[in-house]
């Protein structure tokens, strides 16, 4: 189920289906009409923060919401014992969502890295107030944090599922922002050939280190920002 932005829900006549969202401008200067909220949780995924969800920080373009949902369904089948956590995306109406510099037109989603504990079991990345809901976690050069290790196989499989769902829904995947030092580890996974050939990673280091999450910019035709 996709949650509609409150104003859009009230505006819909009984029995009518929701129209697709409309994006304006660019990720760094834009807005969104008819944004929908990423489905809050499922059997294999959960949000970075229930507070963030309730505050409305997980809205996206309706097509992006479908891609996220369908990708989680797919990895639920290919990796049934792996759990995932998604991060922030944006406001229902888009615009600046601090501290992010982008995320403004409903086409960006943060995904927290899947991790395994010292016993090799997939567990959710710990997110809470003390670590800025996961965003202040720092992994070392070996991709470790306390007793946790990044599950690169799971990231690669999720990227494959996202690309597949995006293609099905007529959505592009413009780029992925992830810690450059960790990208070669994705190339050594079962989906490594796909990742190397099909995933466009941001070149160079982002303004903040993206080691505890990978940011995906989706691509759809958007109207001019002043529209």
N, C-alpha and C. Protein backbone atom coordinates (compact mmCIF):
# COMPACT_ATOMS: atom_id res chain seq x y z
N UNK A 1 0.84 -1.20 0.00
CA UNK A 1 0.00 0.00 0.00
C UNK A 1 0.87 1.24 0.00
N UNK A 2 0.55 2.19 -0.84
CA UNK A 2 1.27 3.45 -0.90
C UNK A 2 0.42 4.51 -0.21
N UNK A 3 1.03 5.24 0.69
CA UNK A 3 0.30 6.24 1.45
C UNK A 3 0.29 7.57 0.69
N UNK A 4 -0.87 8.10 0.45
CA UNK A 4 -0.99 9.36 -0.27
C UNK A 4 -0.73 10.54 0.64
N UNK A 5 -0.18 11.59 0.07
CA UNK A 5 -0.04 12.83 0.83
C UNK A 5 -1.42 13.26 1.28
N UNK A 6 -1.59 13.73 2.52
CA UNK A 6 -2.91 14.04 3.08
C UNK A 6 -3.76 14.93 2.19
N UNK A 7 -3.21 16.02 1.64
CA UNK A 7 -4.02 16.94 0.85
C UNK A 7 -4.52 16.27 -0.41
N UNK A 8 -3.69 15.42 -1.02
CA UNK A 8 -4.10 14.74 -2.23
C UNK A 8 -5.21 13.76 -1.93
N UNK A 9 -5.10 13.06 -0.82
CA UNK A 9 -6.11 12.09 -0.44
C UNK A 9 -7.46 12.76 -0.26
N UNK A 10 -7.50 13.90 0.37
CA UNK A 10 -8.75 14.60 0.60
C UNK A 10 -9.35 15.11 -0.71
N UNK A 11 -8.48 15.38 -1.68
CA UNK A 11 -8.96 15.96 -2.93
C UNK A 11 -9.53 14.92 -3.88
N UNK A 12 -9.24 13.65 -3.62
CA UNK A 12 -9.70 12.61 -4.54
C UNK A 12 -11.17 12.28 -4.31
N UNK A 13 -12.00 12.25 -5.38
CA UNK A 13 -13.38 11.82 -5.21
C UNK A 13 -13.45 10.34 -4.90
N UNK A 14 -14.51 9.94 -4.24
CA UNK A 14 -14.66 8.53 -3.85
C UNK A 14 -14.64 7.67 -5.10
N UNK A 15 -13.84 6.62 -5.05
CA UNK A 15 -13.76 5.68 -6.16
C UNK A 15 -12.75 6.08 -7.22
N UNK A 16 -12.15 7.25 -7.11
CA UNK A 16 -11.17 7.68 -8.10
C UNK A 16 -9.81 7.10 -7.76
N UNK A 17 -8.99 6.88 -8.77
CA UNK A 17 -7.64 6.40 -8.54
C UNK A 17 -6.70 7.60 -8.48
N UNK A 18 -5.64 7.44 -7.76
CA UNK A 18 -4.70 8.54 -7.58
C UNK A 18 -3.95 8.81 -8.87
N UNK A 19 -3.76 10.08 -9.20
CA UNK A 19 -2.96 10.44 -10.35
C UNK A 19 -1.48 10.30 -9.99
N UNK A 20 -0.66 10.19 -11.00
CA UNK A 20 0.77 10.11 -10.74
C UNK A 20 1.26 11.45 -10.20
N UNK A 21 2.31 11.39 -9.42
CA UNK A 21 2.94 12.60 -8.92
C UNK A 21 3.53 13.40 -10.09
N UNK A 22 3.78 14.66 -9.85
CA UNK A 22 4.43 15.52 -10.83
C UNK A 22 5.66 16.16 -10.17
N UNK A 23 6.83 15.98 -10.79
CA UNK A 23 8.04 16.56 -10.24
C UNK A 23 8.41 17.83 -11.00
N UNK A 24 9.06 18.74 -10.31
CA UNK A 24 9.46 20.02 -10.88
C UNK A 24 10.93 20.27 -10.58
N UNK A 25 11.65 20.81 -11.56
CA UNK A 25 13.02 21.20 -11.33
C UNK A 25 13.99 20.04 -11.22
N UNK A 26 14.97 20.23 -10.35
CA UNK A 26 16.07 19.28 -10.21
C UNK A 26 16.16 18.78 -8.77
N UNK A 27 16.99 17.75 -8.53
CA UNK A 27 17.14 17.28 -7.16
C UNK A 27 17.62 18.35 -6.19
N UNK A 28 18.40 19.30 -6.67
CA UNK A 28 18.94 20.35 -5.78
C UNK A 28 18.11 21.63 -5.78
N UNK A 29 17.13 21.73 -6.68
CA UNK A 29 16.24 22.88 -6.69
C UNK A 29 14.94 22.45 -7.36
N UNK A 30 14.02 21.98 -6.54
CA UNK A 30 12.78 21.46 -7.11
C UNK A 30 11.67 21.31 -6.09
N UNK A 31 10.58 20.76 -6.57
CA UNK A 31 9.44 20.49 -5.70
C UNK A 31 8.66 19.31 -6.28
N UNK A 32 7.59 18.94 -5.58
CA UNK A 32 6.83 17.76 -5.95
C UNK A 32 5.36 18.00 -5.69
N UNK A 33 4.53 17.55 -6.58
CA UNK A 33 3.08 17.58 -6.37
C UNK A 33 2.55 16.15 -6.33
N UNK A 34 1.66 15.90 -5.36
CA UNK A 34 1.07 14.56 -5.26
C UNK A 34 2.05 13.50 -4.81
N UNK A 35 3.01 13.87 -3.96
CA UNK A 35 3.96 12.90 -3.46
C UNK A 35 3.28 11.82 -2.64
N UNK A 36 3.84 10.64 -2.63
CA UNK A 36 3.31 9.53 -1.84
C UNK A 36 4.41 9.02 -0.90
N UNK A 37 4.00 8.43 0.18
CA UNK A 37 4.96 7.97 1.17
C UNK A 37 5.36 6.53 0.88
N UNK A 38 6.64 6.26 1.01
CA UNK A 38 7.13 4.89 0.88
C UNK A 38 6.40 4.03 1.90
N UNK A 39 5.93 2.86 1.47
CA UNK A 39 5.25 1.98 2.41
C UNK A 39 6.14 1.77 3.63
N UNK A 40 5.57 1.93 4.82
CA UNK A 40 6.40 2.06 6.02
C UNK A 40 7.29 0.86 6.30
N UNK A 41 6.74 -0.35 6.19
CA UNK A 41 7.55 -1.52 6.51
C UNK A 41 6.96 -2.74 5.84
N UNK A 42 7.76 -3.79 5.78
CA UNK A 42 7.32 -5.06 5.22
C UNK A 42 8.02 -6.19 5.93
N UNK A 43 7.87 -7.40 5.43
CA UNK A 43 8.45 -8.56 6.10
C UNK A 43 9.97 -8.53 6.11
N UNK A 44 10.56 -7.82 5.15
CA UNK A 44 12.03 -7.80 5.06
C UNK A 44 12.63 -6.40 5.08
N UNK A 45 11.82 -5.39 5.39
CA UNK A 45 12.37 -4.04 5.44
C UNK A 45 11.63 -3.17 6.45
N UNK A 46 12.32 -2.12 6.88
CA UNK A 46 11.76 -1.19 7.86
C UNK A 46 12.39 0.18 7.65
N UNK A 47 11.79 1.23 8.20
CA UNK A 47 12.35 2.57 8.04
C UNK A 47 13.47 2.85 9.03
N UNK A 48 14.27 3.83 8.71
CA UNK A 48 15.36 4.25 9.60
C UNK A 48 14.83 4.83 10.90
N UNK A 49 13.58 5.34 10.87
CA UNK A 49 13.03 6.01 12.04
C UNK A 49 11.52 6.13 11.90
N UNK A 50 10.79 5.61 12.87
CA UNK A 50 9.33 5.79 12.85
C UNK A 50 8.98 7.26 13.04
N UNK A 51 9.84 8.00 13.75
CA UNK A 51 9.63 9.43 13.92
C UNK A 51 9.78 10.14 12.58
N UNK A 52 10.81 9.77 11.83
CA UNK A 52 11.00 10.36 10.52
C UNK A 52 9.83 10.11 9.60
N UNK A 53 9.26 8.91 9.69
CA UNK A 53 8.08 8.58 8.89
C UNK A 53 6.91 9.47 9.30
N UNK A 54 6.68 9.58 10.61
CA UNK A 54 5.53 10.37 11.09
C UNK A 54 5.70 11.85 10.79
N UNK A 55 6.93 12.32 10.70
CA UNK A 55 7.20 13.72 10.38
C UNK A 55 7.07 14.00 8.88
N UNK A 56 6.93 12.93 8.09
CA UNK A 56 6.74 13.11 6.65
C UNK A 56 8.02 13.24 5.86
N UNK A 57 9.09 12.60 6.31
CA UNK A 57 10.39 12.73 5.64
C UNK A 57 10.66 11.59 4.67
N UNK A 58 9.64 10.80 4.33
CA UNK A 58 9.85 9.64 3.45
C UNK A 58 8.89 9.63 2.26
N UNK A 59 8.62 10.82 1.71
CA UNK A 59 7.76 10.92 0.53
C UNK A 59 8.59 10.95 -0.74
N UNK A 60 8.01 10.44 -1.82
CA UNK A 60 8.67 10.40 -3.12
C UNK A 60 7.63 10.52 -4.22
N UNK A 61 8.10 10.57 -5.45
CA UNK A 61 7.22 10.48 -6.61
C UNK A 61 6.53 9.12 -6.59
N UNK A 62 5.28 9.06 -7.02
CA UNK A 62 4.51 7.82 -6.96
C UNK A 62 5.19 6.66 -7.68
N UNK A 63 5.84 6.95 -8.82
CA UNK A 63 6.52 5.87 -9.55
C UNK A 63 7.73 5.36 -8.78
N UNK A 64 8.42 6.26 -8.11
CA UNK A 64 9.57 5.84 -7.30
C UNK A 64 9.11 4.99 -6.13
N UNK A 65 7.97 5.34 -5.53
CA UNK A 65 7.43 4.54 -4.43
C UNK A 65 7.16 3.11 -4.89
N UNK A 66 6.63 2.95 -6.11
CA UNK A 66 6.37 1.61 -6.62
C UNK A 66 7.67 0.84 -6.86
N UNK A 67 8.68 1.55 -7.37
CA UNK A 67 9.97 0.90 -7.58
C UNK A 67 10.55 0.39 -6.27
N UNK A 68 10.51 1.20 -5.24
CA UNK A 68 11.05 0.81 -3.93
C UNK A 68 10.32 -0.42 -3.41
N UNK A 69 8.99 -0.40 -3.49
CA UNK A 69 8.19 -1.51 -2.99
C UNK A 69 8.46 -2.80 -3.77
N UNK A 70 8.48 -2.70 -5.10
CA UNK A 70 8.68 -3.88 -5.93
C UNK A 70 10.09 -4.46 -5.76
N UNK A 71 11.07 -3.58 -5.56
CA UNK A 71 12.44 -4.06 -5.35
C UNK A 71 12.55 -4.83 -4.04
N UNK A 72 11.89 -4.36 -3.00
CA UNK A 72 11.92 -5.10 -1.73
C UNK A 72 11.22 -6.44 -1.85
N UNK A 73 10.16 -6.49 -2.63
CA UNK A 73 9.50 -7.78 -2.87
C UNK A 73 10.45 -8.74 -3.57
N UNK A 74 11.18 -8.23 -4.55
CA UNK A 74 12.11 -9.07 -5.31
C UNK A 74 13.23 -9.62 -4.44
N UNK A 75 13.85 -8.75 -3.61
CA UNK A 75 14.94 -9.25 -2.76
C UNK A 75 14.40 -10.14 -1.64
N UNK A 76 13.13 -10.00 -1.33
CA UNK A 76 12.52 -10.91 -0.37
C UNK A 76 12.49 -12.33 -0.89
N UNK A 77 12.44 -12.47 -2.20
CA UNK A 77 12.45 -13.78 -2.83
C UNK A 77 13.87 -14.29 -3.07
N UNK A 78 14.75 -13.39 -3.51
CA UNK A 78 16.12 -13.82 -3.82
C UNK A 78 17.00 -13.94 -2.56
N UNK A 79 16.70 -13.11 -1.56
CA UNK A 79 17.45 -13.14 -0.29
C UNK A 79 16.46 -13.18 0.87
N UNK A 80 15.78 -14.30 1.06
CA UNK A 80 14.69 -14.36 2.04
C UNK A 80 15.12 -14.15 3.48
N UNK A 81 16.38 -14.30 3.79
CA UNK A 81 16.84 -14.16 5.17
C UNK A 81 17.60 -12.86 5.42
N UNK A 82 17.45 -11.93 4.50
CA UNK A 82 18.14 -10.65 4.62
C UNK A 82 17.15 -9.53 4.91
N UNK A 83 17.52 -8.65 5.84
CA UNK A 83 16.65 -7.53 6.19
C UNK A 83 17.28 -6.23 5.70
N UNK A 84 16.43 -5.28 5.35
CA UNK A 84 16.86 -4.01 4.79
C UNK A 84 16.24 -2.85 5.56
N UNK A 85 16.91 -1.71 5.51
CA UNK A 85 16.42 -0.49 6.15
C UNK A 85 16.56 0.65 5.14
N UNK A 86 15.49 1.41 4.94
CA UNK A 86 15.60 2.57 4.06
C UNK A 86 15.70 3.84 4.90
N UNK A 87 16.29 4.87 4.30
CA UNK A 87 16.48 6.13 5.00
C UNK A 87 15.51 7.19 4.53
N UNK A 88 16.00 8.42 4.42
CA UNK A 88 15.13 9.54 4.08
C UNK A 88 14.99 9.71 2.57
N UNK A 89 13.89 10.35 2.18
CA UNK A 89 13.68 10.66 0.77
C UNK A 89 13.32 12.12 0.60
N UNK A 90 12.16 12.57 1.12
CA UNK A 90 11.81 13.97 0.99
C UNK A 90 10.42 14.26 1.51
N UNK A 91 10.04 15.54 1.41
CA UNK A 91 8.72 15.98 1.83
C UNK A 91 7.67 15.64 0.76
N UNK A 92 6.41 15.62 1.15
CA UNK A 92 5.31 15.35 0.22
C UNK A 92 5.25 16.39 -0.89
N UNK A 93 5.65 17.60 -0.58
CA UNK A 93 5.64 18.67 -1.58
C UNK A 93 7.04 19.01 -2.07
N UNK A 94 8.02 18.20 -1.71
CA UNK A 94 9.39 18.43 -2.14
C UNK A 94 10.00 19.64 -1.47
N UNK A 95 11.02 20.22 -2.11
CA UNK A 95 11.72 21.35 -1.52
C UNK A 95 12.84 20.90 -0.60
N UNK A 96 13.54 21.84 0.00
CA UNK A 96 14.70 21.55 0.84
C UNK A 96 14.31 20.76 2.07
N UNK A 97 15.00 19.67 2.29
CA UNK A 97 14.81 18.85 3.49
C UNK A 97 16.18 18.73 4.15
N UNK A 98 16.42 19.59 5.12
CA UNK A 98 17.73 19.63 5.77
C UNK A 98 17.98 18.33 6.53
N UNK A 99 19.24 17.86 6.57
CA UNK A 99 20.46 18.52 6.09
C UNK A 99 20.82 18.19 4.64
N UNK A 100 19.95 17.48 3.93
CA UNK A 100 20.28 17.07 2.56
C UNK A 100 20.41 18.27 1.63
N UNK A 101 21.31 18.18 0.68
CA UNK A 101 21.49 19.23 -0.30
C UNK A 101 20.64 18.97 -1.55
N UNK A 102 20.17 17.75 -1.68
CA UNK A 102 19.31 17.41 -2.82
C UNK A 102 17.97 16.90 -2.28
N UNK A 103 17.43 15.82 -2.83
CA UNK A 103 16.16 15.23 -2.36
C UNK A 103 14.97 16.18 -2.55
N UNK A 104 15.04 17.13 -3.45
CA UNK A 104 14.01 18.17 -3.49
C UNK A 104 12.83 17.88 -4.43
N UNK A 105 13.02 17.02 -5.44
CA UNK A 105 11.92 16.84 -6.40
C UNK A 105 11.32 15.44 -6.40
N UNK A 106 11.52 14.71 -5.30
CA UNK A 106 10.86 13.42 -5.14
C UNK A 106 11.50 12.26 -5.84
N UNK A 107 12.73 12.43 -6.32
CA UNK A 107 13.36 11.37 -7.10
C UNK A 107 14.61 10.80 -6.44
N UNK A 108 14.77 11.02 -5.15
CA UNK A 108 15.95 10.50 -4.44
C UNK A 108 15.53 9.72 -3.20
N UNK A 109 16.23 8.62 -2.96
CA UNK A 109 15.97 7.80 -1.77
C UNK A 109 17.31 7.36 -1.19
N UNK A 110 17.43 7.44 0.13
CA UNK A 110 18.58 6.88 0.83
C UNK A 110 18.24 5.48 1.31
N UNK A 111 19.18 4.56 1.14
CA UNK A 111 19.02 3.20 1.65
C UNK A 111 20.17 2.91 2.59
N UNK A 112 19.86 2.59 3.84
CA UNK A 112 20.90 2.26 4.80
C UNK A 112 21.53 0.93 4.39
N UNK A 113 22.82 0.78 4.63
CA UNK A 113 23.49 -0.44 4.20
C UNK A 113 23.00 -1.65 4.99
N UNK A 114 22.72 -2.77 4.31
CA UNK A 114 22.40 -3.99 5.04
C UNK A 114 23.67 -4.51 5.71
N UNK A 115 23.54 -5.08 6.88
CA UNK A 115 24.71 -5.53 7.64
C UNK A 115 24.47 -6.93 8.21
N UNK A 116 25.59 -7.57 8.55
CA UNK A 116 25.55 -8.87 9.24
C UNK A 116 26.34 -8.75 10.54
N UNK A 117 25.87 -9.46 11.55
CA UNK A 117 26.57 -9.42 12.84
C UNK A 117 27.70 -10.44 12.88
N UNK A 118 28.34 -10.56 14.04
CA UNK A 118 29.51 -11.43 14.17
C UNK A 118 29.17 -12.90 13.95
N UNK A 119 27.89 -13.25 14.05
CA UNK A 119 27.45 -14.62 13.80
C UNK A 119 27.05 -14.84 12.34
N UNK A 120 27.16 -13.78 11.54
CA UNK A 120 26.82 -13.90 10.14
C UNK A 120 25.34 -13.74 9.84
N UNK A 121 24.58 -13.31 10.83
CA UNK A 121 23.14 -13.14 10.64
C UNK A 121 22.81 -11.73 10.18
N UNK A 122 21.89 -11.62 9.23
CA UNK A 122 21.46 -10.31 8.76
C UNK A 122 20.62 -9.63 9.83
N UNK A 123 21.01 -8.40 10.17
CA UNK A 123 20.30 -7.63 11.20
C UNK A 123 20.13 -6.21 10.68
N UNK A 124 19.13 -5.48 11.19
CA UNK A 124 18.96 -4.08 10.76
C UNK A 124 20.12 -3.22 11.26
N UNK A 125 20.52 -2.26 10.46
CA UNK A 125 21.50 -1.30 10.93
C UNK A 125 20.90 -0.56 12.11
N UNK A 126 21.62 -0.45 13.24
CA UNK A 126 21.06 0.24 14.40
C UNK A 126 20.92 1.74 14.13
N UNK A 127 19.72 2.23 14.26
CA UNK A 127 19.46 3.64 14.00
C UNK A 127 18.70 4.24 15.18
N UNK A 128 19.15 5.39 15.62
CA UNK A 128 18.49 6.03 16.76
C UNK A 128 19.01 7.44 16.94
N UNK A 129 18.52 8.09 17.99
CA UNK A 129 18.88 9.48 18.24
C UNK A 129 20.38 9.64 18.45
N UNK A 130 21.01 8.68 19.14
CA UNK A 130 22.42 8.82 19.48
C UNK A 130 23.36 8.75 18.28
N UNK A 131 22.91 8.14 17.18
CA UNK A 131 23.76 8.10 15.98
C UNK A 131 23.11 8.80 14.79
N UNK A 132 22.27 9.80 15.12
CA UNK A 132 21.56 10.59 14.09
C UNK A 132 20.79 9.67 13.15
N UNK A 133 20.10 8.72 13.78
CA UNK A 133 19.25 7.77 13.05
C UNK A 133 20.04 6.99 12.01
N UNK A 134 21.27 6.66 12.37
CA UNK A 134 22.13 5.86 11.51
C UNK A 134 23.07 6.66 10.65
N UNK A 135 22.75 7.92 10.41
CA UNK A 135 23.53 8.72 9.48
C UNK A 135 24.92 9.12 9.99
N UNK A 136 25.17 9.01 11.28
CA UNK A 136 26.50 9.36 11.79
C UNK A 136 27.38 8.14 12.02
N UNK A 137 26.88 6.95 11.67
CA UNK A 137 27.70 5.74 11.80
C UNK A 137 28.87 5.82 10.82
N UNK A 138 30.04 5.43 11.27
CA UNK A 138 31.23 5.43 10.42
C UNK A 138 31.80 4.01 10.36
N UNK A 139 31.84 3.44 9.17
CA UNK A 139 32.45 2.13 8.98
C UNK A 139 33.94 2.29 8.72
N UNK A 140 34.73 1.32 9.18
CA UNK A 140 36.17 1.40 8.97
C UNK A 140 36.53 0.91 7.57
N UNK A 141 37.82 0.87 7.28
CA UNK A 141 38.27 0.50 5.94
C UNK A 141 37.91 -0.91 5.54
N UNK A 142 37.67 -1.77 6.53
CA UNK A 142 37.27 -3.15 6.26
C UNK A 142 35.76 -3.30 6.25
N UNK A 143 35.05 -2.17 6.21
CA UNK A 143 33.58 -2.15 6.17
C UNK A 143 32.97 -2.70 7.45
N UNK A 144 33.64 -2.45 8.57
CA UNK A 144 33.15 -2.92 9.85
C UNK A 144 32.76 -1.77 10.76
N UNK A 145 31.80 -2.06 11.65
CA UNK A 145 31.37 -1.10 12.67
C UNK A 145 30.93 -1.91 13.88
N UNK A 146 31.69 -1.78 14.98
CA UNK A 146 31.46 -2.63 16.17
C UNK A 146 31.49 -4.08 15.72
N UNK A 147 30.40 -4.84 15.93
CA UNK A 147 30.42 -6.24 15.52
C UNK A 147 29.69 -6.45 14.19
N UNK A 148 29.46 -5.37 13.46
CA UNK A 148 28.71 -5.45 12.21
C UNK A 148 29.62 -5.28 11.00
N UNK A 149 29.24 -5.94 9.90
CA UNK A 149 29.97 -5.82 8.65
C UNK A 149 28.96 -5.57 7.53
N UNK A 150 29.30 -4.67 6.62
CA UNK A 150 28.41 -4.39 5.49
C UNK A 150 28.24 -5.63 4.62
N UNK A 151 27.01 -5.92 4.25
CA UNK A 151 26.67 -7.06 3.39
C UNK A 151 26.65 -6.57 1.94
N UNK A 152 27.78 -6.67 1.26
CA UNK A 152 27.87 -6.18 -0.11
C UNK A 152 27.07 -7.03 -1.09
N UNK A 153 26.93 -8.31 -0.81
CA UNK A 153 26.09 -9.16 -1.66
C UNK A 153 24.66 -8.64 -1.65
N UNK A 154 24.18 -8.25 -0.48
CA UNK A 154 22.81 -7.76 -0.36
C UNK A 154 22.63 -6.42 -1.07
N UNK A 155 23.64 -5.54 -0.96
CA UNK A 155 23.55 -4.25 -1.65
C UNK A 155 23.48 -4.48 -3.16
N UNK A 156 24.36 -5.33 -3.68
CA UNK A 156 24.39 -5.59 -5.12
C UNK A 156 23.08 -6.19 -5.60
N UNK A 157 22.53 -7.12 -4.83
CA UNK A 157 21.25 -7.73 -5.21
C UNK A 157 20.13 -6.70 -5.17
N UNK A 158 20.17 -5.80 -4.19
CA UNK A 158 19.16 -4.77 -4.09
C UNK A 158 19.27 -3.79 -5.26
N UNK A 159 20.48 -3.42 -5.65
CA UNK A 159 20.67 -2.54 -6.79
C UNK A 159 20.12 -3.18 -8.07
N UNK A 160 20.34 -4.47 -8.21
CA UNK A 160 19.79 -5.19 -9.36
C UNK A 160 18.27 -5.15 -9.34
N UNK A 161 17.68 -5.39 -8.17
CA UNK A 161 16.22 -5.38 -8.04
C UNK A 161 15.66 -3.99 -8.31
N UNK A 162 16.34 -2.96 -7.84
CA UNK A 162 15.90 -1.58 -8.08
C UNK A 162 15.92 -1.27 -9.57
N UNK A 163 16.99 -1.63 -10.25
CA UNK A 163 17.08 -1.36 -11.69
C UNK A 163 15.99 -2.11 -12.45
N UNK A 164 15.75 -3.34 -12.07
CA UNK A 164 14.72 -4.14 -12.75
C UNK A 164 13.34 -3.52 -12.55
N UNK A 165 13.02 -3.14 -11.31
CA UNK A 165 11.72 -2.54 -11.02
C UNK A 165 11.60 -1.18 -11.69
N UNK A 166 12.68 -0.41 -11.73
CA UNK A 166 12.65 0.90 -12.37
C UNK A 166 12.36 0.76 -13.86
N UNK A 167 13.03 -0.16 -14.50
CA UNK A 167 12.81 -0.38 -15.93
C UNK A 167 11.37 -0.77 -16.21
N UNK A 168 10.81 -1.62 -15.37
CA UNK A 168 9.43 -2.06 -15.52
C UNK A 168 8.46 -0.88 -15.41
N UNK A 169 8.78 0.08 -14.57
CA UNK A 169 7.88 1.22 -14.32
C UNK A 169 8.23 2.47 -15.11
N UNK A 170 9.14 2.35 -16.07
CA UNK A 170 9.49 3.49 -16.89
C UNK A 170 10.26 4.57 -16.15
N UNK A 171 11.06 4.14 -15.19
CA UNK A 171 11.85 5.07 -14.37
C UNK A 171 13.32 4.82 -14.65
N UNK A 172 14.09 5.87 -14.77
CA UNK A 172 15.53 5.72 -14.93
C UNK A 172 16.24 5.73 -13.59
N UNK A 173 17.42 5.17 -13.56
CA UNK A 173 18.28 5.26 -12.37
C UNK A 173 19.47 6.11 -12.78
N UNK A 174 19.46 7.37 -12.36
CA UNK A 174 20.46 8.33 -12.84
C UNK A 174 21.83 8.06 -12.25
N UNK A 175 21.90 7.86 -10.93
CA UNK A 175 23.19 7.62 -10.31
C UNK A 175 23.01 7.08 -8.90
N UNK A 176 24.08 6.48 -8.42
CA UNK A 176 24.14 5.99 -7.04
C UNK A 176 25.33 6.65 -6.37
N UNK A 177 25.12 7.17 -5.18
CA UNK A 177 26.22 7.75 -4.40
C UNK A 177 26.56 6.80 -3.27
N UNK A 178 27.82 6.34 -3.26
CA UNK A 178 28.26 5.38 -2.25
C UNK A 178 29.75 5.60 -2.03
N UNK A 179 30.23 5.23 -0.87
CA UNK A 179 31.64 5.39 -0.52
C UNK A 179 32.52 4.78 -1.62
N UNK A 180 33.34 5.61 -2.30
CA UNK A 180 34.16 5.11 -3.41
C UNK A 180 35.04 3.91 -3.05
N UNK A 181 35.57 3.89 -1.83
CA UNK A 181 36.47 2.80 -1.44
C UNK A 181 35.75 1.46 -1.36
N UNK A 182 34.42 1.49 -1.23
CA UNK A 182 33.66 0.25 -1.10
C UNK A 182 33.10 -0.26 -2.43
N UNK A 183 33.12 0.57 -3.45
CA UNK A 183 32.53 0.16 -4.73
C UNK A 183 33.19 -1.09 -5.31
N UNK A 184 34.53 -1.22 -5.26
CA UNK A 184 35.13 -2.46 -5.78
C UNK A 184 34.62 -3.72 -5.10
N UNK A 185 34.20 -3.60 -3.84
CA UNK A 185 33.65 -4.77 -3.14
C UNK A 185 32.33 -5.21 -3.77
N UNK A 186 31.58 -4.27 -4.33
CA UNK A 186 30.35 -4.62 -5.03
C UNK A 186 30.65 -5.37 -6.32
N UNK A 187 31.78 -5.02 -6.96
CA UNK A 187 32.16 -5.69 -8.20
C UNK A 187 32.54 -7.15 -7.97
N UNK A 188 32.86 -7.50 -6.73
CA UNK A 188 33.26 -8.88 -6.40
C UNK A 188 32.11 -9.74 -5.91
N UNK A 189 30.89 -9.25 -6.06
CA UNK A 189 29.72 -10.03 -5.64
C UNK A 189 29.16 -10.83 -6.81
N UNK A 190 28.13 -11.62 -6.53
CA UNK A 190 27.49 -12.42 -7.58
C UNK A 190 26.89 -11.53 -8.67
N UNK A 191 26.44 -10.33 -8.28
CA UNK A 191 25.88 -9.38 -9.24
C UNK A 191 26.94 -8.38 -9.70
N UNK A 192 28.20 -8.69 -9.46
CA UNK A 192 29.27 -7.75 -9.75
C UNK A 192 29.33 -7.29 -11.20
N UNK A 193 29.14 -8.22 -12.14
CA UNK A 193 29.20 -7.86 -13.56
C UNK A 193 28.09 -6.87 -13.90
N UNK A 194 26.89 -7.12 -13.35
CA UNK A 194 25.78 -6.19 -13.58
C UNK A 194 26.08 -4.83 -12.99
N UNK A 195 26.56 -4.81 -11.75
CA UNK A 195 26.85 -3.54 -11.08
C UNK A 195 27.89 -2.75 -11.87
N UNK A 196 28.94 -3.41 -12.32
CA UNK A 196 30.01 -2.73 -13.04
C UNK A 196 29.53 -2.18 -14.37
N UNK A 197 28.63 -2.90 -15.03
CA UNK A 197 28.17 -2.49 -16.34
C UNK A 197 27.02 -1.49 -16.29
N UNK A 198 26.13 -1.64 -15.31
CA UNK A 198 24.86 -0.91 -15.35
C UNK A 198 24.67 0.18 -14.29
N UNK A 199 25.41 0.15 -13.22
CA UNK A 199 25.20 1.13 -12.15
C UNK A 199 26.16 2.31 -12.34
N UNK A 200 25.59 3.49 -12.41
CA UNK A 200 26.39 4.71 -12.57
C UNK A 200 26.63 5.32 -11.19
N UNK A 201 27.84 5.19 -10.72
CA UNK A 201 28.20 5.74 -9.42
C UNK A 201 28.72 7.17 -9.58
N UNK A 202 28.44 7.99 -8.60
CA UNK A 202 29.01 9.33 -8.57
C UNK A 202 30.53 9.22 -8.50
N UNK A 203 31.19 9.98 -9.33
CA UNK A 203 32.65 9.99 -9.33
C UNK A 203 33.17 10.92 -8.24
N UNK A 204 34.10 10.44 -7.47
CA UNK A 204 34.67 11.27 -6.42
C UNK A 204 33.88 11.17 -5.13
N UNK A 205 34.32 11.93 -4.14
CA UNK A 205 33.73 11.90 -2.81
C UNK A 205 32.60 12.92 -2.69
N UNK A 206 31.49 12.52 -2.12
CA UNK A 206 30.38 13.43 -1.89
C UNK A 206 30.73 14.38 -0.74
N UNK A 207 29.86 15.37 -0.51
CA UNK A 207 30.14 16.37 0.52
C UNK A 207 30.17 15.76 1.91
N UNK A 208 29.48 14.64 2.10
CA UNK A 208 29.62 13.85 3.33
C UNK A 208 29.85 12.40 2.91
N UNK A 209 30.52 11.67 3.74
CA UNK A 209 30.84 10.27 3.41
C UNK A 209 29.56 9.44 3.37
N UNK A 210 29.38 8.72 2.29
CA UNK A 210 28.21 7.85 2.12
C UNK A 210 28.65 6.39 2.33
N UNK A 211 28.95 6.05 3.57
CA UNK A 211 29.38 4.69 3.89
C UNK A 211 28.31 3.91 4.62
N UNK A 212 27.45 4.63 5.37
CA UNK A 212 26.37 3.96 6.12
C UNK A 212 25.08 3.90 5.31
N UNK A 213 25.07 4.56 4.16
CA UNK A 213 23.91 4.47 3.27
C UNK A 213 24.35 4.71 1.83
N UNK A 214 23.54 4.25 0.90
CA UNK A 214 23.76 4.57 -0.51
C UNK A 214 22.54 5.33 -1.01
N UNK A 215 22.82 6.42 -1.68
CA UNK A 215 21.80 7.35 -2.16
C UNK A 215 21.53 7.02 -3.63
N UNK A 216 20.27 6.87 -3.99
CA UNK A 216 19.91 6.62 -5.38
C UNK A 216 19.10 7.79 -5.92
N UNK A 217 19.57 8.36 -7.02
CA UNK A 217 18.84 9.38 -7.75
C UNK A 217 18.13 8.71 -8.91
N UNK A 218 16.80 8.77 -8.91
CA UNK A 218 16.02 8.24 -10.02
C UNK A 218 15.82 9.34 -11.06
N UNK A 219 15.37 8.94 -12.24
CA UNK A 219 15.22 9.90 -13.33
C UNK A 219 13.85 9.77 -13.97
N UNK A 220 13.15 10.90 -14.03
CA UNK A 220 11.87 11.02 -14.70
C UNK A 220 11.77 12.42 -15.32
N UNK A 221 10.98 12.59 -16.36
CA UNK A 221 10.81 13.94 -16.91
C UNK A 221 10.11 14.82 -15.88
N UNK A 222 10.72 15.96 -15.59
CA UNK A 222 10.14 16.91 -14.63
C UNK A 222 9.84 18.23 -15.32
N UNK A 223 8.81 18.90 -14.84
CA UNK A 223 8.47 20.22 -15.36
C UNK A 223 9.46 21.25 -14.81
N UNK A 224 9.57 22.41 -15.47
CA UNK A 224 10.48 23.44 -14.96
C UNK A 224 10.10 23.83 -13.53
N UNK A 225 11.08 24.20 -12.75
CA UNK A 225 10.86 24.50 -11.34
C UNK A 225 9.84 25.60 -11.12
N UNK A 226 9.78 26.57 -12.02
CA UNK A 226 8.84 27.67 -11.83
C UNK A 226 7.41 27.28 -12.21
N UNK A 227 7.23 26.05 -12.77
CA UNK A 227 5.89 25.60 -13.15
C UNK A 227 5.04 25.33 -11.96
